[in-house]
Protein backbone atom coordinates (compact mmCIF):
# COMPACT_ATOMS: atom_id res chain seq x y z
CA MET A 1 0.15 -31.83 -16.61
CA ALA A 2 2.55 -30.07 -14.26
CA LYS A 3 2.67 -29.59 -10.49
CA TYR A 4 2.29 -25.94 -9.50
CA LYS A 5 3.28 -24.41 -6.15
CA LEU A 6 0.32 -22.28 -5.10
CA GLU A 7 1.07 -19.74 -2.38
CA TYR A 8 -2.23 -18.63 -0.87
CA ILE A 9 -1.76 -15.19 0.67
CA TRP A 10 -4.25 -13.39 2.89
CA LEU A 11 -4.59 -10.72 5.60
CA ASP A 12 -4.95 -11.93 9.18
CA GLY A 13 -7.11 -10.54 11.96
CA TYR A 14 -4.59 -8.46 13.83
CA THR A 15 -5.55 -4.78 14.44
CA PRO A 16 -4.96 -2.01 13.67
CA VAL A 17 -2.69 -3.40 11.01
CA PRO A 18 -3.20 -6.83 9.63
CA ASN A 19 -0.21 -9.09 8.83
CA LEU A 20 0.32 -10.91 5.58
CA ARG A 21 0.11 -14.71 5.95
CA GLY A 22 0.83 -17.40 3.32
CA LYS A 23 0.92 -21.12 2.85
CA THR A 24 1.53 -23.44 -0.05
CA GLN A 25 -0.35 -26.26 -1.70
CA ILE A 26 0.57 -28.31 -4.68
CA LYS A 27 -1.91 -28.80 -7.54
CA GLU A 28 -1.66 -30.12 -11.14
CA PHE A 29 -2.64 -28.05 -14.07
CA SER A 30 -2.06 -28.31 -17.74
CA SER A 31 -0.76 -24.74 -17.85
CA PHE A 32 -0.42 -21.69 -15.55
CA PRO A 33 -3.70 -21.70 -13.63
CA LYS A 34 -6.46 -19.21 -14.20
CA LEU A 35 -8.17 -17.62 -11.26
CA GLU A 36 -11.42 -19.52 -11.83
CA GLU A 37 -9.40 -22.81 -11.70
CA LEU A 38 -8.11 -22.24 -8.19
CA PRO A 39 -9.99 -23.92 -5.40
CA LEU A 40 -11.09 -22.58 -1.96
CA TRP A 41 -8.84 -23.61 0.81
CA GLY A 42 -9.15 -23.76 4.57
CA PHE A 43 -6.91 -22.58 7.32
CA ASP A 44 -6.75 -22.40 11.13
CA GLY A 45 -8.23 -19.06 11.96
CA SER A 46 -7.52 -19.57 15.70
CA SER A 47 -3.82 -18.96 14.97
CA THR A 48 -4.38 -15.72 13.00
CA ARG A 49 -6.97 -14.00 15.39
CA GLN A 50 -9.82 -14.84 12.96
CA ALA A 51 -11.56 -17.59 14.91
CA GLU A 52 -11.70 -19.37 18.21
CA GLY A 53 -10.10 -22.69 18.84
CA ARG A 54 -13.44 -24.41 19.40
CA SER A 55 -14.52 -23.34 15.89
CA SER A 56 -11.38 -22.53 14.07
CA ASP A 57 -12.13 -23.09 10.39
CA CYS A 58 -11.79 -20.17 7.92
CA VAL A 59 -11.75 -20.27 4.18
CA LEU A 60 -9.43 -18.67 1.63
CA LYS A 61 -11.11 -17.48 -1.58
CA PRO A 62 -8.67 -16.65 -4.45
CA VAL A 63 -9.30 -13.15 -5.92
CA ALA A 64 -6.08 -12.44 -7.88
CA VAL A 65 -3.22 -14.55 -9.30
CA PHE A 66 0.35 -13.66 -10.15
CA PRO A 67 3.40 -15.62 -11.36
CA ASP A 68 6.10 -16.30 -8.79
CA SER A 69 9.52 -16.14 -10.51
CA THR A 70 11.34 -17.33 -7.35
CA ARG A 71 9.91 -20.84 -7.69
CA LYS A 72 9.67 -23.39 -10.43
CA ASN A 73 5.92 -23.38 -11.47
CA GLY A 74 5.28 -20.82 -8.72
CA VAL A 75 1.98 -19.04 -8.33
CA LEU A 76 1.02 -16.21 -5.93
CA VAL A 77 -2.59 -16.25 -4.99
CA MET A 78 -4.16 -13.17 -3.27
CA CYS A 79 -7.12 -14.33 -1.20
CA GLU A 80 -10.09 -13.00 0.77
CA VAL A 81 -10.93 -14.57 4.03
CA MET A 82 -14.44 -16.12 4.19
CA MET A 83 -16.50 -17.79 6.88
CA PRO A 84 -16.74 -21.65 6.84
CA ASP A 85 -19.61 -21.60 4.37
CA GLY A 86 -17.14 -20.17 1.82
CA THR A 87 -19.52 -17.35 0.66
CA THR A 88 -19.90 -15.03 3.63
CA PRO A 89 -17.04 -12.55 4.06
CA HIS A 90 -15.13 -12.76 7.35
CA PRO A 91 -15.41 -9.59 9.49
CA SER A 92 -11.70 -8.97 8.91
CA ASN A 93 -12.21 -9.09 5.16
CA ALA A 94 -12.06 -5.39 4.11
CA ARG A 95 -11.81 -6.13 0.44
CA ALA A 96 -15.19 -7.72 0.13
CA THR A 97 -17.11 -4.56 1.04
CA ILE A 98 -15.17 -1.66 -0.36
CA LEU A 99 -16.34 0.65 -3.14
CA ASP A 100 -14.83 -0.03 -6.47
CA ASP A 101 -14.81 1.59 -9.90
CA PRO A 102 -12.49 0.39 -12.66
CA ASP A 103 -12.56 3.83 -14.20
CA THR A 104 -10.96 5.39 -11.08
CA TRP A 105 -7.27 5.16 -11.27
CA PHE A 106 -5.08 4.99 -8.21
CA GLY A 107 -1.35 5.38 -7.73
CA PHE A 108 0.04 4.51 -4.29
CA GLU A 109 3.52 5.68 -3.19
CA GLN A 110 4.57 3.17 -0.60
CA GLU A 111 7.35 4.37 1.71
CA TYR A 112 9.05 2.07 4.24
CA PHE A 113 12.23 1.69 6.23
CA LEU A 114 14.74 -1.19 5.94
CA TYR A 115 15.61 -2.29 9.51
CA GLN A 116 18.41 -4.42 10.84
CA ASP A 117 19.35 -5.09 14.45
CA GLY A 118 16.50 -2.87 15.65
CA ARG A 119 17.45 0.26 13.75
CA PRO A 120 17.18 1.69 10.20
CA LEU A 121 19.68 0.18 7.84
CA GLY A 122 22.78 2.39 7.88
CA PHE A 123 22.25 3.93 11.30
CA PRO A 124 25.17 3.52 13.70
CA GLU A 125 24.77 1.44 16.86
CA GLU A 126 24.39 4.58 18.88
CA GLY A 127 23.26 8.09 17.83
CA TYR A 128 22.35 9.06 14.34
CA PRO A 129 23.89 9.32 10.87
CA ALA A 130 24.36 12.66 9.06
CA PRO A 131 21.22 14.82 8.96
CA GLN A 132 18.67 14.46 6.14
CA GLY A 133 19.60 16.19 2.98
CA GLU A 134 21.55 13.92 0.61
CA TYR A 135 19.69 10.66 1.09
CA TYR A 136 16.64 11.40 -1.05
CA THR A 137 17.31 9.91 -4.45
CA GLY A 138 20.90 9.57 -3.24
CA VAL A 139 23.78 7.61 -4.80
CA GLY A 140 26.84 6.27 -3.12
CA TYR A 141 27.69 4.09 -0.17
CA LYS A 142 27.52 6.94 2.38
CA ASN A 143 23.93 7.62 1.30
CA VAL A 144 22.45 4.15 0.58
CA GLY A 145 24.87 1.61 2.02
CA ASP A 146 25.82 -1.71 0.51
CA ILE A 147 22.69 -3.86 0.29
CA ALA A 148 19.74 -1.49 0.13
CA ARG A 149 19.82 -0.89 -3.58
CA GLN A 150 20.39 -4.57 -4.13
CA ILE A 151 17.18 -5.31 -2.16
CA VAL A 152 14.99 -2.68 -3.94
CA GLU A 153 16.24 -3.59 -7.35
CA GLU A 154 15.52 -7.29 -6.78
CA HIS A 155 12.18 -6.39 -5.42
CA LEU A 156 11.39 -4.33 -8.47
CA ASP A 157 12.27 -7.34 -10.69
CA LEU A 158 10.12 -9.69 -8.65
CA CYS A 159 7.14 -7.33 -8.98
CA LEU A 160 7.56 -6.93 -12.77
CA ASP A 161 7.85 -10.72 -13.17
CA ALA A 162 4.62 -11.12 -11.26
CA GLY A 163 2.86 -8.70 -13.58
CA ILE A 164 2.37 -6.08 -10.83
CA ASN A 165 2.13 -2.60 -12.32
CA HIS A 166 5.21 -1.34 -10.40
CA GLU A 167 6.03 2.18 -11.64
CA GLY A 168 9.35 3.08 -9.96
CA ILE A 169 11.60 3.19 -6.95
CA ASN A 170 13.74 5.75 -5.11
CA ALA A 171 15.66 6.29 -2.02
CA GLU A 172 13.79 8.53 0.35
CA VAL A 173 14.49 11.49 2.61
CA ALA A 174 15.72 9.56 5.68
CA LYS A 175 18.60 7.17 5.92
CA GLY A 176 17.39 3.58 5.32
CA GLN A 177 14.05 4.85 3.89
CA TRP A 178 12.92 3.83 0.38
CA GLU A 179 9.74 4.03 -1.74
CA PHE A 180 8.08 2.11 -4.55
CA GLN A 181 5.00 3.14 -6.58
CA ILE A 182 2.10 1.04 -7.75
CA PHE A 183 -0.54 2.05 -10.23
CA GLY A 184 -3.85 0.37 -10.90
CA LYS A 185 -7.31 0.89 -12.40
CA GLY A 186 -9.95 0.26 -9.71
CA SER A 187 -9.70 0.01 -5.92
CA LYS A 188 -9.44 -3.78 -5.72
CA THR A 189 -6.92 -4.16 -8.60
CA CYS A 190 -4.62 -1.56 -7.31
CA ALA A 191 -4.81 -2.53 -3.64
CA ASP A 192 -4.31 -6.27 -4.50
CA GLN A 193 -1.06 -5.29 -6.17
CA VAL A 194 0.13 -3.10 -3.26
CA TRP A 195 -0.41 -5.97 -0.82
CA MET A 196 1.26 -8.44 -3.10
CA ALA A 197 4.25 -6.00 -3.55
CA ARG A 198 4.44 -5.63 0.24
CA TYR A 199 4.42 -9.47 0.60
CA LEU A 200 7.18 -9.91 -2.00
CA LEU A 201 9.37 -7.26 -0.24
CA LEU A 202 8.92 -8.93 3.17
CA ARG A 203 9.67 -12.28 1.78
CA LEU A 204 12.74 -11.08 -0.20
CA CYS A 205 14.25 -9.50 2.93
CA GLU A 206 14.30 -12.75 4.79
CA LYS A 207 17.49 -13.83 2.97
CA TYR A 208 19.20 -10.54 3.75
CA CYS A 209 18.33 -10.70 7.56
CA VAL A 210 16.52 -7.41 7.14
CA ASP A 211 13.06 -6.44 8.30
CA ILE A 212 10.71 -3.98 6.73
CA ASN A 213 9.28 -1.26 9.08
CA PHE A 214 6.05 0.12 7.63
CA HIS A 215 5.27 2.26 10.76
CA CYS A 216 4.58 5.81 9.77
CA LYS A 217 6.91 7.35 12.37
CA PRO A 218 9.35 4.67 13.55
CA LEU A 219 11.94 7.18 14.83
CA GLY A 220 9.44 9.15 16.86
CA LYS A 221 7.62 12.36 16.38
CA ASP A 222 10.14 14.58 18.32
CA LEU A 223 13.16 13.64 16.17
CA ASP A 224 13.98 15.64 13.02
CA TRP A 225 13.50 12.60 10.68
CA ASN A 226 10.79 12.16 8.12
CA GLY A 227 8.06 9.62 8.65
CA SER A 228 6.66 7.22 6.08
CA GLY A 229 3.53 7.85 4.00
CA MET A 230 1.62 6.18 1.25
CA HIS A 231 0.60 9.14 -0.84
CA SER A 232 -2.41 8.26 -2.82
CA ASN A 233 -2.95 9.69 -6.35
CA PHE A 234 -6.39 9.35 -7.81
CA SER A 235 -8.48 10.40 -10.81
CA THR A 236 -11.92 9.48 -11.96
CA LYS A 237 -12.96 9.35 -15.59
CA PHE A 238 -14.89 12.60 -14.98
CA MET A 239 -11.77 14.24 -13.50
CA ARG A 240 -9.61 13.20 -16.44
CA GLU A 241 -12.08 14.09 -19.19
CA LYS A 242 -14.19 17.01 -17.93
CA GLY A 243 -13.15 18.34 -14.51
CA GLY A 244 -13.30 22.10 -14.18
CA LYS A 245 -12.60 24.59 -11.45
CA GLU A 246 -16.19 24.60 -10.11
CA TYR A 247 -16.14 20.82 -9.72
CA PHE A 248 -12.67 20.81 -8.18
CA GLU A 249 -13.74 23.35 -5.57
CA LYS A 250 -16.83 21.33 -4.67
CA LEU A 251 -14.67 18.19 -4.42
CA MET A 252 -12.26 19.82 -2.09
CA ALA A 253 -15.08 21.07 0.07
CA GLN A 254 -16.37 17.52 0.32
CA PHE A 255 -12.92 16.24 1.31
CA ALA A 256 -12.77 18.97 3.95
CA LYS A 257 -16.18 17.97 5.31
CA ASN A 258 -15.09 14.31 5.51
CA MET A 259 -11.67 15.02 6.90
CA HIS A 260 -12.04 12.98 10.03
CA GLU A 261 -13.63 10.04 8.17
CA HIS A 262 -10.56 9.94 5.86
CA VAL A 263 -8.00 10.13 8.63
CA ALA A 264 -9.78 7.31 10.52
CA VAL A 265 -8.77 4.82 7.73
CA TYR A 266 -5.52 6.38 6.55
CA GLY A 267 -3.38 4.29 8.91
CA PRO A 268 -2.66 4.08 12.63
CA ASP A 269 -0.62 6.54 14.61
CA ASN A 270 -0.95 9.18 11.92
CA HIS A 271 -0.98 11.85 14.63
CA LEU A 272 2.72 11.13 15.01
CA ARG A 273 3.32 11.84 11.37
CA LEU A 274 0.80 14.54 10.47
CA THR A 275 2.30 17.27 12.65
CA GLY A 276 2.53 20.07 10.07
CA LEU A 277 6.26 19.37 9.79
CA HIS A 278 8.28 17.19 7.42
CA GLU A 279 6.11 17.82 4.40
CA THR A 280 2.77 17.19 6.08
CA GLN A 281 -0.29 19.13 7.11
CA SER A 282 -1.56 18.86 10.69
CA ILE A 283 -3.91 16.02 11.33
CA ASP A 284 -6.67 18.46 12.42
CA LYS A 285 -6.53 20.58 9.35
CA PHE A 286 -7.53 20.13 5.72
CA THR A 287 -5.78 22.23 3.07
CA TYR A 288 -4.97 22.02 -0.67
CA GLY A 289 -2.36 23.79 -2.71
CA ILE A 290 -0.63 23.83 -6.07
CA ALA A 291 2.58 21.71 -5.79
CA ASP A 292 2.34 22.08 -1.97
CA ARG A 293 3.76 19.10 -0.16
CA GLY A 294 2.70 20.56 3.13
CA SER A 295 -1.02 20.42 2.18
CA SER A 296 -3.44 17.62 2.73
CA ILE A 297 -4.06 17.49 -1.04
CA ARG A 298 -1.31 18.39 -3.47
CA VAL A 299 -2.61 19.78 -6.74
CA PRO A 300 -0.11 19.18 -9.61
CA HIS A 301 0.64 22.03 -11.98
CA SER A 302 -0.40 19.72 -14.79
CA PHE A 303 -3.91 19.62 -13.23
CA ILE A 304 -4.33 23.37 -13.28
CA ASN A 305 -2.65 23.76 -16.69
CA ALA A 306 -5.09 21.24 -18.24
CA GLY A 307 -8.11 23.27 -17.05
CA TYR A 308 -8.51 21.51 -13.69
CA LYS A 309 -8.40 18.07 -15.20
CA GLY A 310 -6.29 15.11 -14.34
CA TYR A 311 -5.23 13.60 -11.01
CA LEU A 312 -4.83 14.78 -7.43
CA GLU A 313 -2.59 13.56 -4.59
CA ASP A 314 -3.89 12.88 -1.10
CA ARG A 315 -0.76 13.10 1.11
CA ARG A 316 -2.39 12.02 4.35
CA PRO A 317 -2.49 8.15 4.02
CA ASN A 318 0.45 6.57 5.88
CA SER A 319 2.73 3.71 5.09
CA GLN A 320 0.74 1.22 7.23
CA GLY A 321 -2.60 2.13 5.73
CA ASP A 322 -4.84 -0.44 4.12
CA PRO A 323 -5.04 0.46 0.42
CA TYR A 324 -8.49 -1.25 0.21
CA GLN A 325 -9.99 1.16 2.78
CA ILE A 326 -8.04 4.17 1.56
CA ALA A 327 -9.21 3.86 -2.03
CA SER A 328 -12.78 3.10 -0.91
CA ARG A 329 -12.93 6.15 1.29
CA ILE A 330 -11.66 8.41 -1.51
CA LEU A 331 -14.28 6.96 -3.84
CA LYS A 332 -17.03 7.50 -1.26
CA THR A 333 -16.24 11.16 -0.97
CA ILE A 334 -15.99 11.58 -4.75
CA SER A 335 -19.39 9.91 -5.09
CA GLU A 336 -20.96 12.62 -2.93
CA VAL A 337 -20.08 15.40 -5.41
CA PRO A 338 -22.55 15.82 -8.33
CA THR A 339 -21.01 15.73 -11.87
CA SER A 340 -23.93 17.42 -13.57
């Protein structure tokens, strides 16, 4: 038997964006614990905006488990928050009620800014660095600085060690802005991994005295600097195997019909980002276009060339969006379009 360090991780009750929380307990197991071996665990919900002090007990229910290579016998445990009975989902528990389909594949492109001393990493104390242009996928100190690449490379390794389906990294359009991509089959699987990747990035940056700013427009809407999105790529089994132009057009019509319902769960303050500038469509419009980064939905050339089969990219979700709710809303709209 060995003692394992179990880091139980959950989303708190803050709105409109929950924070990640975590605490450790030590348990003995004969080998790396399986999900079904992990016990429920309580916490003080009055300190996380999930309960009142006079009745503060909340319960953590393990739903996904990952190795933690930063600790000897380390285990990362993604949890749902439950009521004291251990079976009723807490009102803040979005994961418990979302639509899910393991045959629907999602790819989330998580953008973010590295921040230090209240400004993006690499920004001068006053004013701004050189205009956007060379930062995207850039190389060299003037473009990426001295620690940013070290952080994102280390984060990549931590995710891969944890078994997260991390698909890549790149420097983004603005100074101090980066992106990582997560792919998963099913809403819950993919969203669990996005949240865990966010957690690992936040925890990693503690030792660099760097913060992660996930806000979709941290530099303000009136400045000529890109915001941060979480472009969401999706494909159902039907889209991959049958598809067709007629189905595609019906699907886009349904996305247009549900435009406001989508934007409502695509992350807060999106009106600051979806202005029609900086590779976005306006928040009050829905459009789609082939390889068009200024549309709501970007249609890859590969999709058209394959006979309207494959995946599509919804460019409206922002960097603070909850991947559970984003994936669920996409699935709901898809479910409203007949496939026969």
